C-alpha atoms as a PDB file:
ATOM      1  CA  UNK A   1       0.000   0.000   0.000  1.00  0.00           C
ATOM      2  CA  UNK A   2       1.478   3.358  -1.060  1.00  0.00           C
ATOM      3  CA  UNK A   3      -0.233   6.346   0.542  1.00  0.00           C
ATOM      4  CA  UNK A   4       0.174   9.902  -0.709  1.00  0.00           C
ATOM      5  CA  UNK A   5       1.728  12.394   1.618  1.00  0.00           C
ATOM      6  CA  UNK A   6      -1.323  14.583   2.379  1.00  0.00           C
ATOM      7  CA  UNK A   7      -1.434  17.481  -0.068  1.00  0.00           C
ATOM      8  CA  UNK A   8       0.452  15.607  -2.783  1.00  0.00           C
ATOM      9  CA  UNK A   9      -0.829  13.312  -5.497  1.00  0.00           C
ATOM     10  CA  UNK A  10      -4.619  13.249  -5.326  1.00  0.00           C
ATOM     11  CA  UNK A  11      -4.930  13.597  -1.557  1.00  0.00           C
ATOM     12  CA  UNK A  12      -6.364  16.579   0.287  1.00  0.00           C
ATOM     13  CA  UNK A  13      -3.860  18.865   2.037  1.00  0.00           C
ATOM     14  CA  UNK A  14      -3.679  19.353   5.798  1.00  0.00           C
ATOM     15  CA  UNK A  15      -5.336  22.549   7.037  1.00  0.00           C
ATOM     16  CA  UNK A  16      -3.386  25.799   6.858  1.00  0.00           C
ATOM     17  CA  UNK A  17      -4.217  29.274   8.196  1.00  0.00           C
ATOM     18  CA  UNK A  18      -6.020  31.608   5.815  1.00  0.00           C
ATOM     19  CA  UNK A  19      -2.863  33.688   5.373  1.00  0.00           C
ATOM     20  CA  UNK A  20      -0.529  30.781   4.644  1.00  0.00           C
ATOM     21  CA  UNK A  21       0.579  32.387   1.377  1.00  0.00           C
ATOM     22  CA  UNK A  22       2.166  35.191   3.408  1.00  0.00           C
ATOM     23  CA  UNK A  23       3.756  32.975   6.081  1.00  0.00           C
ATOM     24  CA  UNK A  24       5.887  29.873   6.365  1.00  0.00           C
ATOM     25  CA  UNK A  25       3.923  26.610   6.223  1.00  0.00           C
ATOM     26  CA  UNK A  26       2.629  25.430   9.585  1.00  0.00           C
ATOM     27  CA  UNK A  27       2.214  21.764   8.619  1.00  0.00           C
ATOM     28  CA  UNK A  28       4.503  19.509  10.635  1.00  0.00           C
ATOM     29  CA  UNK A  29       5.672  15.913  10.328  1.00  0.00           C
ATOM     30  CA  UNK A  30       3.330  15.004  13.174  1.00  0.00           C
ATOM     31  CA  UNK A  31       0.403  16.182  10.999  1.00  0.00           C
ATOM     32  CA  UNK A  32       1.443  13.847   8.180  1.00  0.00           C
ATOM     33  CA  UNK A  33       1.974  11.017  10.691  1.00  0.00           C
ATOM     34  CA  UNK A  34      -1.464  11.599  12.200  1.00  0.00           C
ATOM     35  CA  UNK A  35      -3.021  11.198   8.760  1.00  0.00           C
ATOM     36  CA  UNK A  36      -1.136   7.933   8.193  1.00  0.00           C
ATOM     37  CA  UNK A  37      -2.280   6.568  11.556  1.00  0.00           C
ATOM     38  CA  UNK A  38      -5.859   7.524  10.700  1.00  0.00           C
ATOM     39  CA  UNK A  39      -5.460   5.557   7.452  1.00  0.00           C
ATOM     40  CA  UNK A  40      -4.244   2.491   9.359  1.00  0.00           C
ATOM     41  CA  UNK A  41      -7.170   2.809  11.762  1.00  0.00           C
ATOM     42  CA  UNK A  42      -9.677   3.160   8.931  1.00  0.00           C
ATOM     43  CA  UNK A  43      -8.291   0.038   7.229  1.00  0.00           C
ATOM     44  CA  UNK A  44      -8.162  -1.804  10.572  1.00  0.00           C
ATOM     45  CA  UNK A  45      -4.451  -2.555  10.213  1.00  0.00           C
ATOM     46  CA  UNK A  46      -3.161  -3.384  13.683  1.00  0.00           C
ATOM     47  CA  UNK A  47       0.429  -4.241  12.771  1.00  0.00           C
ATOM     48  CA  UNK A  48       2.387  -2.695   9.934  1.00  0.00           C
ATOM     49  CA  UNK A  49       5.811  -2.486   8.295  1.00  0.00           C
ATOM     50  CA  UNK A  50       6.672   1.054   7.206  1.00  0.00           C
ATOM     51  CA  UNK A  51       8.814   2.187   4.283  1.00  0.00           C
ATOM     52  CA  UNK A  52       9.658   5.830   3.627  1.00  0.00           C
ATOM     53  CA  UNK A  53      11.978   7.808   1.379  1.00  0.00           C
ATOM     54  CA  UNK A  54      13.304  11.228   2.537  1.00  0.00           C
ATOM     55  CA  UNK A  55      10.098  12.860   3.869  1.00  0.00           C
ATOM     56  CA  UNK A  56       8.653   9.381   4.268  1.00  0.00           C
ATOM     57  CA  UNK A  57      11.517   8.395   6.578  1.00  0.00           C
ATOM     58  CA  UNK A  58      10.628  11.267   8.898  1.00  0.00           C
ATOM     59  CA  UNK A  59       6.933  10.381   8.760  1.00  0.00           C
ATOM     60  CA  UNK A  60       7.713   6.707   9.471  1.00  0.00           C
ATOM     61  CA  UNK A  61       9.793   7.757  12.483  1.00  0.00           C
ATOM     62  CA  UNK A  62       6.953   9.831  13.898  1.00  0.00           C
ATOM     63  CA  UNK A  63       4.367   7.112  13.254  1.00  0.00           C
ATOM     64  CA  UNK A  64       6.592   4.552  14.975  1.00  0.00           C
ATOM     65  CA  UNK A  65       7.177   6.675  18.057  1.00  0.00           C
ATOM     66  CA  UNK A  66       3.456   7.474  18.283  1.00  0.00           C
ATOM     67  CA  UNK A  67       2.179   3.876  17.934  1.00  0.00           C
ATOM     68  CA  UNK A  68       5.282   1.730  18.628  1.00  0.00           C
ATOM     69  CA  UNK A  69       3.301  -1.398  19.492  1.00  0.00           C
ATOM     70  CA  UNK A  70       1.781  -1.443  15.990  1.00  0.00           C
ATOM     71  CA  UNK A  71       4.977  -0.958  13.958  1.00  0.00           C
ATOM     72  CA  UNK A  72       6.896  -4.175  13.340  1.00  0.00           C
ATOM     73  CA  UNK A  73       9.785  -3.033  11.111  1.00  0.00           C
ATOM     74  CA  UNK A  74      10.840   0.099   9.222  1.00  0.00           C
ATOM     75  CA  UNK A  75      12.692   0.603   5.939  1.00  0.00           C
ATOM     76  CA  UNK A  76      14.176   4.067   5.447  1.00  0.00           C
ATOM     77  CA  UNK A  77      15.758   5.295   2.231  1.00  0.00           C
ATOM     78  CA  UNK A  78      17.823   8.275   3.348  1.00  0.00           C
ATOM     79  CA  UNK A  79      17.258   9.806   6.778  1.00  0.00           C
ATOM     80  CA  UNK A  80      17.011  13.603   7.216  1.00  0.00           C
ATOM     81  CA  UNK A  81      19.030  14.039  10.428  1.00  0.00           C
ATOM     82  CA  UNK A  82      19.922  17.721  10.079  1.00  0.00           C
ATOM     83  CA  UNK A  83      21.890  20.153  12.205  1.00  0.00           C
ATOM     84  CA  UNK A  84      20.967  23.817  12.609  1.00  0.00           C
ATOM     85  CA  UNK A  85      23.347  25.032   9.894  1.00  0.00           C
ATOM     86  CA  UNK A  86      21.948  22.585   7.360  1.00  0.00           C
ATOM     87  CA  UNK A  87      18.387  23.497   8.234  1.00  0.00           C
ATOM     88  CA  UNK A  88      19.145  27.180   7.642  1.00  0.00           C
ATOM     89  CA  UNK A  89      20.718  26.356   4.271  1.00  0.00           C
ATOM     90  CA  UNK A  90      17.915  24.063   3.142  1.00  0.00           C
ATOM     91  CA  UNK A  91      15.317  26.616   4.135  1.00  0.00           C
ATOM     92  CA  UNK A  92      16.954  29.106   1.775  1.00  0.00           C
ATOM     93  CA  UNK A  93      16.784  26.519  -1.008  1.00  0.00           C
ATOM     94  CA  UNK A  94      13.357  25.052  -0.312  1.00  0.00           C
ATOM     95  CA  UNK A  95      11.165  27.862   0.887  1.00  0.00           C
ATOM     96  CA  UNK A  96       8.958  29.431  -1.706  1.00  0.00           C
ATOM     97  CA  UNK A  97       8.774  33.216  -1.620  1.00  0.00           C
ATOM     98  CA  UNK A  98       5.967  34.642   0.584  1.00  0.00           C
ATOM     99  CA  UNK A  99       3.752  34.854  -2.493  1.00  0.00           C
ATOM    100  CA  UNK A 100       4.110  31.632  -4.532  1.00  0.00           C
ATOM    101  CA  UNK A 101       4.902  32.105  -8.219  1.00  0.00           C
ATOM    102  CA  UNK A 102       2.062  31.995 -10.684  1.00  0.00           C
ATOM    103  CA  UNK A 103       1.364  28.599 -12.198  1.00  0.00           C
ATOM    104  CA  UNK A 104       2.850  29.837 -15.473  1.00  0.00           C
ATOM    105  CA  UNK A 105       6.088  30.882 -13.760  1.00  0.00           C
ATOM    106  CA  UNK A 106       6.174  27.644 -11.790  1.00  0.00           C
ATOM    107  CA  UNK A 107       5.819  25.594 -14.971  1.00  0.00           C
ATOM    108  CA  UNK A 108       8.612  27.589 -16.608  1.00  0.00           C
ATOM    109  CA  UNK A 109      10.857  26.983 -13.589  1.00  0.00           C
ATOM    110  CA  UNK A 110      10.218  23.259 -13.789  1.00  0.00           C
ATOM    111  CA  UNK A 111      10.910  23.158 -17.527  1.00  0.00           C
ATOM    112  CA  UNK A 112      14.176  25.058 -17.063  1.00  0.00           C
ATOM    113  CA  UNK A 113      15.270  22.610 -14.370  1.00  0.00           C
ATOM    114  CA  UNK A 114      14.403  19.546 -16.465  1.00  0.00           C
ATOM    115  CA  UNK A 115      18.023  18.659 -17.289  1.00  0.00           C
ATOM    116  CA  UNK A 116      19.454  19.038 -13.781  1.00  0.00           C
ATOM    117  CA  UNK A 117      16.508  17.220 -12.218  1.00  0.00           C
ATOM    118  CA  UNK A 118      16.823  14.414 -14.763  1.00  0.00           C
ATOM    119  CA  UNK A 119      20.468  14.003 -13.740  1.00  0.00           C
ATOM    120  CA  UNK A 120      19.412  13.627 -10.093  1.00  0.00           C
ATOM    121  CA  UNK A 121      16.928  10.960 -11.239  1.00  0.00           C
ATOM    122  CA  UNK A 122      19.255   9.273 -13.719  1.00  0.00           C
ATOM    123  CA  UNK A 123      18.347   5.800 -12.408  1.00  0.00           C
ATOM    124  CA  UNK A 124      14.867   6.329 -13.850  1.00  0.00           C
ATOM    125  CA  UNK A 125      15.100   4.145 -16.968  1.00  0.00           C
ATOM    126  CA  UNK A 126      12.940   6.007 -19.509  1.00  0.00           C
ATOM    127  CA  UNK A 127      12.095   9.578 -20.447  1.00  0.00           C
ATOM    128  CA  UNK A 128       8.400   8.688 -20.342  1.00  0.00           C
ATOM    129  CA  UNK A 129       8.637   7.603 -16.711  1.00  0.00           C
ATOM    130  CA  UNK A 130      10.674  10.672 -15.789  1.00  0.00           C
ATOM    131  CA  UNK A 131       8.021  12.823 -17.462  1.00  0.00           C
ATOM    132  CA  UNK A 132       5.381  11.210 -15.245  1.00  0.00           C
ATOM    133  CA  UNK A 133       7.466  12.078 -12.172  1.00  0.00           C
ATOM    134  CA  UNK A 134       7.721  15.702 -13.292  1.00  0.00           C
ATOM    135  CA  UNK A 135       3.957  15.840 -13.842  1.00  0.00           C
ATOM    136  CA  UNK A 136       3.414  14.597 -10.278  1.00  0.00           C
ATOM    137  CA  UNK A 137       5.807  17.281  -9.072  1.00  0.00           C
ATOM    138  CA  UNK A 138       3.829  19.974 -10.862  1.00  0.00           C
ATOM    139  CA  UNK A 139       0.599  18.713  -9.308  1.00  0.00           C
ATOM    140  CA  UNK A 140       1.929  19.750  -5.898  1.00  0.00           C
ATOM    141  CA  UNK A 141       1.741  23.453  -6.869  1.00  0.00           C
ATOM    142  CA  UNK A 142       1.588  25.625  -4.801  1.00  0.00           C
ATOM    143  CA  UNK A 143       2.313  23.321  -1.835  1.00  0.00           C
ATOM    144  CA  UNK A 144       5.615  21.800  -2.934  1.00  0.00           C
ATOM    145  CA  UNK A 145       7.573  23.407  -0.082  1.00  0.00           C
ATOM    146  CA  UNK A 146       5.220  22.293   2.706  1.00  0.00           C
ATOM    147  CA  UNK A 147       6.828  18.899   3.267  1.00  0.00           C
ATOM    148  CA  UNK A 148      10.338  20.326   2.757  1.00  0.00           C
ATOM    149  CA  UNK A 149       9.747  22.759   5.572  1.00  0.00           C
ATOM    150  CA  UNK A 150       8.261  20.027   7.775  1.00  0.00           C
ATOM    151  CA  UNK A 151      11.282  17.772   7.222  1.00  0.00           C
ATOM    152  CA  UNK A 152      13.702  20.593   7.993  1.00  0.00           C
ATOM    153  CA  UNK A 153      11.892  21.467  11.209  1.00  0.00           C
ATOM    154  CA  UNK A 154      11.849  17.790  12.230  1.00  0.00           C
ATOM    155  CA  UNK A 155      15.541  17.309  11.423  1.00  0.00           C
ATOM    156  CA  UNK A 156      16.803  18.327  14.860  1.00  0.00           C
ATOM    157  CA  UNK A 157      14.337  15.948  16.524  1.00  0.00           C
ATOM    158  CA  UNK A 158      15.241  12.951  14.353  1.00  0.00           C
ATOM    159  CA  UNK A 159      18.350  11.866  16.315  1.00  0.00           C
ATOM    160  CA  UNK A 160      16.502  11.650  19.614  1.00  0.00           C
ATOM    161  CA  UNK A 161      13.499   9.916  18.086  1.00  0.00           C
ATOM    162  CA  UNK A 162      15.527   7.403  16.056  1.00  0.00           C
ATOM    163  CA  UNK A 163      17.655   6.446  19.042  1.00  0.00           C
ATOM    164  CA  UNK A 164      14.489   5.481  20.942  1.00  0.00           C
ATOM    165  CA  UNK A 165      12.907   3.244  18.305  1.00  0.00           C
ATOM    166  CA  UNK A 166      13.173  -0.379  19.434  1.00  0.00           C
ATOM    167  CA  UNK A 167      11.956  -2.116  16.291  1.00  0.00           C
ATOM    168  CA  UNK A 168      14.411  -3.300  13.564  1.00  0.00           C
ATOM    169  CA  UNK A 169      15.237  -0.637  10.969  1.00  0.00           C
ATOM    170  CA  UNK A 170      16.798  -1.082   7.534  1.00  0.00           C
ATOM    171  CA  UNK A 171      18.521   2.179   6.583  1.00  0.00           C
ATOM    172  CA  UNK A 172      19.466   2.407   2.906  1.00  0.00           C
ATOM    173  CA  UNK A 173      21.787   5.219   1.827  1.00  0.00           C
ATOM    174  CA  UNK A 174      21.905   5.967  -1.939  1.00  0.00           C
ATOM    175  CA  UNK A 175      25.296   7.669  -2.103  1.00  0.00           C
ATOM    176  CA  UNK A 176      24.460   9.644  -5.282  1.00  0.00           C
ATOM    177  CA  UNK A 177      21.286  11.013  -3.724  1.00  0.00           C
ATOM    178  CA  UNK A 178      20.772  14.370  -2.015  1.00  0.00           C
ATOM    179  CA  UNK A 179      21.810  13.712   1.593  1.00  0.00           C
ATOM    180  CA  UNK A 180      24.271  10.779   1.864  1.00  0.00           C
ATOM    181  CA  UNK A 181      26.452  12.390   4.547  1.00  0.00           C
ATOM    182  CA  UNK A 182      23.394  13.319   6.602  1.00  0.00           C
ATOM    183  CA  UNK A 183      22.062   9.768   6.364  1.00  0.00           C
ATOM    184  CA  UNK A 184      25.355   8.311   7.598  1.00  0.00           C
ATOM    185  CA  UNK A 185      24.759  10.001  10.956  1.00  0.00           C
ATOM    186  CA  UNK A 186      21.549   8.053  11.424  1.00  0.00           C
ATOM    187  CA  UNK A 187      23.374   4.711  11.227  1.00  0.00           C
ATOM    188  CA  UNK A 188      24.873   5.236  14.698  1.00  0.00           C
ATOM    189  CA  UNK A 189      21.411   5.854  16.179  1.00  0.00           C
ATOM    190  CA  UNK A 190      19.900   2.441  15.417  1.00  0.00           C
ATOM    191  CA  UNK A 191      19.657   0.428  18.620  1.00  0.00           C
ATOM    192  CA  UNK A 192      17.967  -2.832  17.600  1.00  0.00           C
ATOM    193  CA  UNK A 193      20.494  -5.620  16.917  1.00  0.00           C
ATOM    194  CA  UNK A 194      18.606  -6.634  13.774  1.00  0.00           C
ATOM    195  CA  UNK A 195      18.833  -3.136  12.312  1.00  0.00           C
ATOM    196  CA  UNK A 196      21.027  -2.748   9.251  1.00  0.00           C
ATOM    197  CA  UNK A 197      22.723   0.147   7.471  1.00  0.00           C
ATOM    198  CA  UNK A 198      23.526  -0.322   3.779  1.00  0.00           C
ATOM    199  CA  UNK A 199      25.390   2.119   1.529  1.00  0.00           C
ATOM    200  CA  UNK A 200      24.454   2.039  -2.154  1.00  0.00           C
ATOM    201  CA  UNK A 201      27.249   3.562  -4.280  1.00  0.00           C
ATOM    202  CA  UNK A 202      26.031   5.288  -7.438  1.00  0.00           C
ATOM    203  CA  UNK A 203      22.334   4.976  -6.576  1.00  0.00           C
ATOM    204  CA  UNK A 204      20.297   8.130  -7.202  1.00  0.00           C
ATOM    205  CA  UNK A 205      16.887   9.482  -6.266  1.00  0.00           C
ATOM    206  CA  UNK A 206      15.371   7.428  -9.085  1.00  0.00           C
ATOM    207  CA  UNK A 207      16.588   4.071  -7.762  1.00  0.00           C
ATOM    208  CA  UNK A 208      13.106   2.781  -6.972  1.00  0.00           C
ATOM    209  CA  UNK A 209      12.365   2.894 -10.700  1.00  0.00           C
ATOM    210  CA  UNK A 210      15.722   1.833 -12.118  1.00  0.00           C
ATOM    211  CA  UNK A 211      16.877  -0.703  -9.533  1.00  0.00           C
ATOM    212  CA  UNK A 212      13.531  -2.145  -8.553  1.00  0.00           C
ATOM    213  CA  UNK A 213      14.584  -5.807  -8.379  1.00  0.00           C
ATOM    214  CA  UNK A 214      17.654  -5.062  -6.268  1.00  0.00           C
ATOM    215  CA  UNK A 215      15.829  -2.920  -3.748  1.00  0.00           C
ATOM    216  CA  UNK A 216      12.876  -5.318  -3.607  1.00  0.00           C
ATOM    217  CA  UNK A 217      15.177  -8.171  -2.643  1.00  0.00           C
ATOM    218  CA  UNK A 218      16.884  -6.128   0.101  1.00  0.00           C
ATOM    219  CA  UNK A 219      13.565  -5.017   1.540  1.00  0.00           C
ATOM    220  CA  UNK A 220      11.908  -8.405   1.267  1.00  0.00           C
ATOM    221  CA  UNK A 221      14.862 -10.200   2.900  1.00  0.00           C
ATOM    222  CA  UNK A 222      14.814  -7.703   5.766  1.00  0.00           C
ATOM    223  CA  UNK A 223      11.069  -7.881   6.349  1.00  0.00           C
ATOM    224  CA  UNK A 224      11.080 -11.686   6.233  1.00  0.00           C
ATOM    225  CA  UNK A 225      13.740 -12.080   8.927  1.00  0.00           C
ATOM    226  CA  UNK A 226      12.610 -13.918  12.024  1.00  0.00           C
ATOM    227  CA  UNK A 227      12.652 -11.917  15.240  1.00  0.00           C
END
C-alpha cells in the first residue's frame, strides 16, 4: 500500500491558516503522521511495516514513536538528520517566496530545471517515466515546499526519536542522492540488533524505478527475517 503524503498526489492537504501564502507553512511531520495513523485505523491494520523515502523516513519515524506497538519493522531510504546550519541552508533553497509564483512561472521553472533534475533521477530508466514524475511534481503546486519545511523542522528531533525506536530498521543510503552524509549520521542511532545500514554507491533518487529488483530483494529479505 502506497499512501500519498497529504497534499500531494490526489490527496487533500492538511489545514493551513487563511494567510498561509504570506507565512511559512505550519504543517509539521506530526500532521502527516497523524493522517497515516488515521489511514491504518480506517483500514483496521493493527500491525504494519513502514517504508519511507526522505520525507517518508521522517513520517515513518513519527508514526513509529506514536504507535510503537503497531509498527513491526521500518525501511528508510535516506534519513534527514539535520543540524541547525543545514536546516538554515535548506530553508533558503526550499522555501517558496511569501507569495508563490504563478502557475505559469512555476511551470517555466520546472521546464528550465528539467536537465538538472533528470540528472538527479538518472536511475529512472525512460524519459516517459521521468516525465510522469515531473507531472506529479507539478501537481503539488503551490504546496511543494510544505513537506520540505516540515522535514527541515523535524531534522533536529530525528536523532533523539531514532535512538528510541526499538523495532528493527533497515537504513538504505543511496550515495548519489541528495543527503548521503546526513544519512550516515543516522546509522549510529539504530539500537535494535537486527537493524542494518547499507550504503548504495552510485544509486540516485530514481533508484526505486531503475533498480527495482535489487531494492525489492533487500527489503523483502529484511522484512522476512525472524525476530
